[in-house]
Amino acid sequence: MPSHKTFMIKKKLAKKMRQNRPIPYWIRMRTDNTIRYNAKRRHWRRTKLGF
């Protein structure tokens, strides 16, 4: 990833950064613990984004 990024790439990276977080605790309570974790979590070294 170059240090000079285009604005569109930076926006995509920021979105992926926001998505890569655990689910809030209150959602676990709301769904009676049927959703326990974020299945779409991504590790920066294991799975690459592909752009």
PDB file of N, CA and C in Angstrom:
ATOM      1  N   MET A   1       0.854  -1.179   0.000  1.00  0.00           N
ATOM      2  CA  MET A   1       0.000   0.000   0.000  1.00  0.00           C
ATOM      3  C   MET A   1       0.900   1.242   0.000  1.00  0.00           C
ATOM      4  N   PRO A   2       0.774   2.089  -1.008  1.00  0.00           N
ATOM      5  CA  PRO A   2       1.614   3.284  -1.074  1.00  0.00           C
ATOM      6  C   PRO A   2       1.246   4.295   0.005  1.00  0.00           C
ATOM      7  N   SER A   3       2.205   5.127   0.339  1.00  0.00           N
ATOM      8  CA  SER A   3       1.915   6.136   1.363  1.00  0.00           C
ATOM      9  C   SER A   3       1.025   7.241   0.812  1.00  0.00           C
ATOM     10  N   HIS A   4       1.065   7.479  -0.503  1.00  0.00           N
ATOM     11  CA  HIS A   4       0.161   8.441  -1.142  1.00  0.00           C
ATOM     12  C   HIS A   4      -1.044   7.680  -1.676  1.00  0.00           C
ATOM     13  N   LYS A   5      -2.150   7.753  -0.937  1.00  0.00           N
ATOM     14  CA  LYS A   5      -3.355   7.017  -1.317  1.00  0.00           C
ATOM     15  C   LYS A   5      -4.346   7.949  -1.989  1.00  0.00           C
ATOM     16  N   THR A   6      -5.136   7.402  -2.906  1.00  0.00           N
ATOM     17  CA  THR A   6      -6.215   8.199  -3.479  1.00  0.00           C
ATOM     18  C   THR A   6      -7.336   8.295  -2.451  1.00  0.00           C
ATOM     19  N   PHE A   7      -8.191   9.266  -2.643  1.00  0.00           N
ATOM     20  CA  PHE A   7      -9.273   9.487  -1.684  1.00  0.00           C
ATOM     21  C   PHE A   7     -10.238   8.307  -1.646  1.00  0.00           C
ATOM     22  N   MET A   8     -10.506   7.693  -2.802  1.00  0.00           N
ATOM     23  CA  MET A   8     -11.435   6.564  -2.841  1.00  0.00           C
ATOM     24  C   MET A   8     -10.876   5.355  -2.089  1.00  0.00           C
ATOM     25  N   ILE A   9      -9.589   5.088  -2.259  1.00  0.00           N
ATOM     26  CA  ILE A   9      -8.958   3.976  -1.539  1.00  0.00           C
ATOM     27  C   ILE A   9      -9.000   4.249  -0.039  1.00  0.00           C
ATOM     28  N   LYS A  10      -8.741   5.493   0.335  1.00  0.00           N
ATOM     29  CA  LYS A  10      -8.735   5.860   1.748  1.00  0.00           C
ATOM     30  C   LYS A  10     -10.126   5.699   2.358  1.00  0.00           C
ATOM     31  N   LYS A  11     -11.165   6.041   1.573  1.00  0.00           N
ATOM     32  CA  LYS A  11     -12.537   5.874   2.046  1.00  0.00           C
ATOM     33  C   LYS A  11     -12.872   4.401   2.246  1.00  0.00           C
ATOM     34  N   LYS A  12     -12.420   3.560   1.303  1.00  0.00           N
ATOM     35  CA  LYS A  12     -12.681   2.121   1.421  1.00  0.00           C
ATOM     36  C   LYS A  12     -11.958   1.535   2.629  1.00  0.00           C
ATOM     37  N   LEU A  13     -10.726   1.960   2.832  1.00  0.00           N
ATOM     38  CA  LEU A  13      -9.968   1.473   3.982  1.00  0.00           C
ATOM     39  C   LEU A  13     -10.624   1.894   5.291  1.00  0.00           C
ATOM     40  N   ALA A  14     -11.144   3.117   5.323  1.00  0.00           N
ATOM     41  CA  ALA A  14     -11.801   3.614   6.531  1.00  0.00           C
ATOM     42  C   ALA A  14     -13.071   2.827   6.815  1.00  0.00           C
ATOM     43  N   LYS A  15     -13.816   2.483   5.766  1.00  0.00           N
ATOM     44  CA  LYS A  15     -15.040   1.691   5.943  1.00  0.00           C
ATOM     45  C   LYS A  15     -14.704   0.311   6.489  1.00  0.00           C
ATOM     46  N   LYS A  16     -13.673  -0.321   5.921  1.00  0.00           N
ATOM     47  CA  LYS A  16     -13.276  -1.646   6.387  1.00  0.00           C
ATOM     48  C   LYS A  16     -12.777  -1.590   7.825  1.00  0.00           C
ATOM     49  N   MET A  17     -12.156  -0.486   8.188  1.00  0.00           N
ATOM     50  CA  MET A  17     -11.679  -0.312   9.556  1.00  0.00           C
ATOM     51  C   MET A  17     -12.846  -0.214  10.532  1.00  0.00           C
ATOM     52  N   ARG A  18     -13.905   0.480  10.109  1.00  0.00           N
ATOM     53  CA  ARG A  18     -15.097   0.603  10.958  1.00  0.00           C
ATOM     54  C   ARG A  18     -15.831  -0.724  11.093  1.00  0.00           C
ATOM     55  N   GLN A  19     -15.846  -1.504   9.995  1.00  0.00           N
ATOM     56  CA  GLN A  19     -16.549  -2.787  10.035  1.00  0.00           C
ATOM     57  C   GLN A  19     -15.815  -3.813  10.900  1.00  0.00           C
ATOM     58  N   ASN A  20     -14.530  -3.637  11.067  1.00  0.00           N
ATOM     59  CA  ASN A  20     -13.698  -4.637  11.734  1.00  0.00           C
ATOM     60  C   ASN A  20     -13.682  -4.395  13.242  1.00  0.00           C
ATOM     61  N   ARG A  21     -14.828  -4.597  13.868  1.00  0.00           N
ATOM     62  CA  ARG A  21     -14.910  -4.419  15.313  1.00  0.00           C
ATOM     63  C   ARG A  21     -15.882  -5.443  15.877  1.00  0.00           C
ATOM     64  N   PRO A  22     -15.792  -5.733  17.180  1.00  0.00           N
ATOM     65  CA  PRO A  22     -16.733  -6.695  17.756  1.00  0.00           C
ATOM     66  C   PRO A  22     -18.147  -6.127  17.810  1.00  0.00           C
ATOM     67  N   ILE A  23     -19.132  -7.016  17.909  1.00  0.00           N
ATOM     68  CA  ILE A  23     -20.510  -6.530  17.986  1.00  0.00           C
ATOM     69  C   ILE A  23     -20.734  -5.907  19.361  1.00  0.00           C
ATOM     70  N   PRO A  24     -21.604  -4.915  19.458  1.00  0.00           N
ATOM     71  CA  PRO A  24     -21.888  -4.308  20.761  1.00  0.00           C
ATOM     72  C   PRO A  24     -22.546  -5.314  21.714  1.00  0.00           C
ATOM     73  N   TYR A  25     -22.298  -5.123  22.988  1.00  0.00           N
ATOM     74  CA  TYR A  25     -22.809  -6.040  24.002  1.00  0.00           C
ATOM     75  C   TYR A  25     -24.332  -6.053  24.025  1.00  0.00           C
ATOM     76  N   TRP A  26     -24.948  -4.880  23.781  1.00  0.00           N
ATOM     77  CA  TRP A  26     -26.412  -4.805  23.868  1.00  0.00           C
ATOM     78  C   TRP A  26     -27.090  -5.599  22.756  1.00  0.00           C
ATOM     79  N   ILE A  27     -26.405  -5.818  21.625  1.00  0.00           N
ATOM     80  CA  ILE A  27     -26.981  -6.648  20.561  1.00  0.00           C
ATOM     81  C   ILE A  27     -27.008  -8.106  21.006  1.00  0.00           C
ATOM     82  N   ARG A  28     -25.987  -8.531  21.748  1.00  0.00           N
ATOM     83  CA  ARG A  28     -26.001  -9.889  22.298  1.00  0.00           C
ATOM     84  C   ARG A  28     -27.172 -10.073  23.248  1.00  0.00           C
ATOM     85  N   MET A  29     -27.460  -9.048  24.033  1.00  0.00           N
ATOM     86  CA  MET A  29     -28.587  -9.125  24.962  1.00  0.00           C
ATOM     87  C   MET A  29     -29.916  -9.114  24.202  1.00  0.00           C
ATOM     88  N   ARG A  30     -29.993  -8.291  23.145  1.00  0.00           N
ATOM     89  CA  ARG A  30     -31.242  -8.156  22.397  1.00  0.00           C
ATOM     90  C   ARG A  30     -31.608  -9.449  21.675  1.00  0.00           C
ATOM     91  N   THR A  31     -30.594 -10.166  21.187  1.00  0.00           N
ATOM     92  CA  THR A  31     -30.856 -11.393  20.434  1.00  0.00           C
ATOM     93  C   THR A  31     -30.778 -12.630  21.326  1.00  0.00           C
ATOM     94  N   ASP A  32     -30.785 -12.429  22.636  1.00  0.00           N
ATOM     95  CA  ASP A  32     -30.686 -13.536  23.606  1.00  0.00           C
ATOM     96  C   ASP A  32     -29.470 -14.412  23.338  1.00  0.00           C
ATOM     97  N   ASN A  33     -28.374 -13.770  23.019  1.00  0.00           N
ATOM     98  CA  ASN A  33     -27.071 -14.421  22.830  1.00  0.00           C
ATOM     99  C   ASN A  33     -27.040 -15.378  21.640  1.00  0.00           C
ATOM    100  N   THR A  34     -27.953 -15.213  20.658  1.00  0.00           N
ATOM    101  CA  THR A  34     -27.865 -16.050  19.460  1.00  0.00           C
ATOM    102  C   THR A  34     -26.752 -15.556  18.543  1.00  0.00           C
ATOM    103  N   ILE A  35     -26.525 -14.237  18.523  1.00  0.00           N
ATOM    104  CA  ILE A  35     -25.369 -13.680  17.808  1.00  0.00           C
ATOM    105  C   ILE A  35     -24.304 -13.415  18.864  1.00  0.00           C
ATOM    106  N   ARG A  36     -23.228 -14.201  18.840  1.00  0.00           N
ATOM    107  CA  ARG A  36     -22.235 -14.085  19.900  1.00  0.00           C
ATOM    108  C   ARG A  36     -21.002 -13.307  19.484  1.00  0.00           C
ATOM    109  N   TYR A  37     -20.680 -13.329  18.197  1.00  0.00           N
ATOM    110  CA  TYR A  37     -19.484 -12.620  17.745  1.00  0.00           C
ATOM    111  C   TYR A  37     -19.694 -12.169  16.316  1.00  0.00           C
ATOM    112  N   ASN A  38     -18.835 -11.274  15.868  1.00  0.00           N
ATOM    113  CA  ASN A  38     -18.876 -10.763  14.507  1.00  0.00           C
ATOM    114  C   ASN A  38     -18.177 -11.771  13.598  1.00  0.00           C
ATOM    115  N   ALA A  39     -18.955 -12.427  12.740  1.00  0.00           N
ATOM    116  CA  ALA A  39     -18.396 -13.459  11.862  1.00  0.00           C
ATOM    117  C   ALA A  39     -17.524 -12.856  10.770  1.00  0.00           C
ATOM    118  N   LYS A  40     -17.645 -11.557  10.529  1.00  0.00           N
ATOM    119  CA  LYS A  40     -16.880 -10.925   9.447  1.00  0.00           C
ATOM    120  C   LYS A  40     -15.641 -10.187   9.950  1.00  0.00           C
ATOM    121  N   ARG A  41     -15.173 -10.523  11.167  1.00  0.00           N
ATOM    122  CA  ARG A  41     -13.942  -9.913  11.645  1.00  0.00           C
ATOM    123  C   ARG A  41     -12.788 -10.310  10.737  1.00  0.00           C
ATOM    124  N   ARG A  42     -11.859  -9.394  10.525  1.00  0.00           N
ATOM    125  CA  ARG A  42     -10.743  -9.616   9.608  1.00  0.00           C
ATOM    126  C   ARG A  42      -9.446  -9.252  10.316  1.00  0.00           C
ATOM    127  N   HIS A  43      -8.474 -10.145  10.226  1.00  0.00           N
ATOM    128  CA  HIS A  43      -7.158  -9.864  10.793  1.00  0.00           C
ATOM    129  C   HIS A  43      -6.275  -9.270   9.702  1.00  0.00           C
ATOM    130  N   TRP A  44      -5.539  -8.251  10.039  1.00  0.00           N
ATOM    131  CA  TRP A  44      -4.788  -7.496   9.031  1.00  0.00           C
ATOM    132  C   TRP A  44      -3.701  -8.331   8.363  1.00  0.00           C
ATOM    133  N   ARG A  45      -3.215  -9.357   9.039  1.00  0.00           N
ATOM    134  CA  ARG A  45      -2.137 -10.139   8.447  1.00  0.00           C
ATOM    135  C   ARG A  45      -2.644 -11.403   7.761  1.00  0.00           C
ATOM    136  N   ARG A  46      -3.700 -12.005   8.284  1.00  0.00           N
ATOM    137  CA  ARG A  46      -4.204 -13.265   7.720  1.00  0.00           C
ATOM    138  C   ARG A  46      -5.004 -13.059   6.447  1.00  0.00           C
ATOM    139  N   THR A  47      -5.942 -12.111   6.446  1.00  0.00           N
ATOM    140  CA  THR A  47      -6.834 -11.923   5.302  1.00  0.00           C
ATOM    141  C   THR A  47      -6.633 -10.536   4.715  1.00  0.00           C
ATOM    142  N   LYS A  48      -6.286 -10.471   3.462  1.00  0.00           N
ATOM    143  CA  LYS A  48      -6.079  -9.186   2.802  1.00  0.00           C
ATOM    144  C   LYS A  48      -7.352  -8.736   2.107  1.00  0.00           C
ATOM    145  N   LEU A  49      -7.478  -7.439   1.876  1.00  0.00           N
ATOM    146  CA  LEU A  49      -8.697  -6.874   1.308  1.00  0.00           C
ATOM    147  C   LEU A  49      -8.777  -7.057  -0.202  1.00  0.00           C
ATOM    148  N   GLY A  50      -7.661  -7.073  -0.858  1.00  0.00           N
ATOM    149  CA  GLY A  50      -7.668  -7.314  -2.292  1.00  0.00           C
ATOM    150  C   GLY A  50      -7.803  -6.064  -3.141  1.00  0.00           C
ATOM    151  N   PHE A  51      -7.421  -4.908  -2.592  1.00  0.00           N
ATOM    152  CA  PHE A  51      -7.368  -3.699  -3.427  1.00  0.00           C
ATOM    153  C   PHE A  51      -6.204  -2.833  -3.032  1.00  0.00           C
TER     154      PHE A  51
END
